[in-house]
């Protein structure tokens, strides 16, 4: 029984993490819409975006992030990079 409770706790934790990431992506999209309306963009350094991308890759490899969520989040992060 203890293993079942642990597995359930892990599933719930993963579900909450997915919800938090989804909320962050939604907030980023809304911020992007605000930029189009004339608001100042939230400045993020390239290093911050790359670090977040590395964390995302680690989470996906460990199985905490589904492939679909990974692809959406990766696309959002890559869109924030400024290639010169």
Protein backbone atom coordinates (compact mmCIF):
# COMPACT_ATOMS: atom_id res chain seq x y z
CA UNK A 1 0.00 0.00 0.00
CA UNK A 2 2.82 2.40 0.77
CA UNK A 3 4.06 2.12 -2.81
CA UNK A 4 0.60 2.95 -4.12
CA UNK A 5 0.43 6.09 -2.01
CA UNK A 6 3.89 7.13 -3.12
CA UNK A 7 2.99 6.63 -6.79
CA UNK A 8 -0.21 8.63 -6.35
CA UNK A 9 1.71 11.41 -4.63
CA UNK A 10 4.21 11.49 -7.50
CA UNK A 11 1.41 11.62 -10.09
CA UNK A 12 -0.25 14.48 -8.24
CA UNK A 13 3.06 16.34 -8.01
CA UNK A 14 3.67 15.89 -11.74
CA UNK A 15 0.14 17.07 -12.48
CA UNK A 16 0.67 20.22 -10.40
CA UNK A 17 3.99 20.91 -12.13
CA UNK A 18 2.34 20.55 -15.56
CA UNK A 19 -0.41 22.94 -14.48
CA UNK A 20 2.15 25.47 -13.28
CA UNK A 21 4.08 25.28 -16.56
CA UNK A 22 0.86 25.62 -18.53
CA UNK A 23 -0.05 28.69 -16.47
CA UNK A 24 3.41 30.17 -17.14
CA UNK A 25 3.06 29.61 -20.90
CA UNK A 26 -0.37 31.22 -20.84
CA UNK A 27 1.03 34.22 -18.95
CA UNK A 28 3.89 34.50 -21.47
CA UNK A 29 1.43 34.48 -24.36
CA UNK A 30 -0.64 37.18 -22.66
CA UNK A 31 2.49 39.23 -22.10
CA UNK A 32 3.28 38.82 -25.80
CA UNK A 33 -0.19 40.09 -26.67
CA UNK A 34 0.46 43.08 -24.41
CA UNK A 35 3.68 43.83 -26.30
CA UNK A 36 1.68 44.08 -29.49
CA UNK A 37 -0.60 46.56 -27.74
CA UNK A 38 2.31 48.86 -26.94
CA UNK A 39 3.41 47.60 -23.53
CA UNK A 40 7.10 47.20 -22.78
CA UNK A 41 8.33 43.62 -23.19
CA UNK A 42 9.65 41.73 -20.17
CA UNK A 43 13.39 41.55 -20.78
CA UNK A 44 15.01 38.16 -20.23
CA UNK A 45 18.64 37.47 -20.88
CA UNK A 46 19.69 34.80 -23.33
CA UNK A 47 21.39 32.96 -20.46
CA UNK A 48 18.10 32.79 -18.51
CA UNK A 49 16.23 31.40 -21.50
CA UNK A 50 18.96 28.84 -22.22
CA UNK A 51 19.05 27.78 -18.57
CA UNK A 52 15.28 27.29 -18.58
CA UNK A 53 15.59 25.29 -21.79
CA UNK A 54 18.20 23.03 -20.14
CA UNK A 55 15.90 22.45 -17.17
CA UNK A 56 13.05 21.64 -19.54
CA UNK A 57 15.21 19.05 -21.35
CA UNK A 58 16.16 17.46 -18.02
CA UNK A 59 12.53 17.28 -16.92
CA UNK A 60 11.52 15.68 -20.21
CA UNK A 61 14.33 13.12 -20.07
CA UNK A 62 13.38 12.17 -16.51
CA UNK A 63 9.75 11.67 -17.56
CA UNK A 64 8.28 14.55 -15.55
CA UNK A 65 7.22 16.38 -18.72
CA UNK A 66 5.23 14.75 -21.51
CA UNK A 67 6.46 15.03 -25.09
CA UNK A 68 3.59 17.35 -26.06
CA UNK A 69 4.19 19.71 -23.12
CA UNK A 70 7.91 19.60 -23.86
CA UNK A 71 7.40 20.61 -27.49
CA UNK A 72 5.09 23.51 -26.60
CA UNK A 73 7.39 24.84 -23.88
CA UNK A 74 10.46 24.40 -26.09
CA UNK A 75 8.84 26.37 -28.91
CA UNK A 76 7.95 29.17 -26.47
CA UNK A 77 11.51 29.33 -25.18
CA UNK A 78 13.11 29.18 -28.63
CA UNK A 79 10.87 32.05 -29.73
CA UNK A 80 12.42 34.14 -26.93
CA UNK A 81 15.97 33.60 -28.19
CA UNK A 82 17.44 36.30 -30.38
CA UNK A 83 19.67 34.73 -33.02
CA UNK A 84 22.28 37.07 -34.42
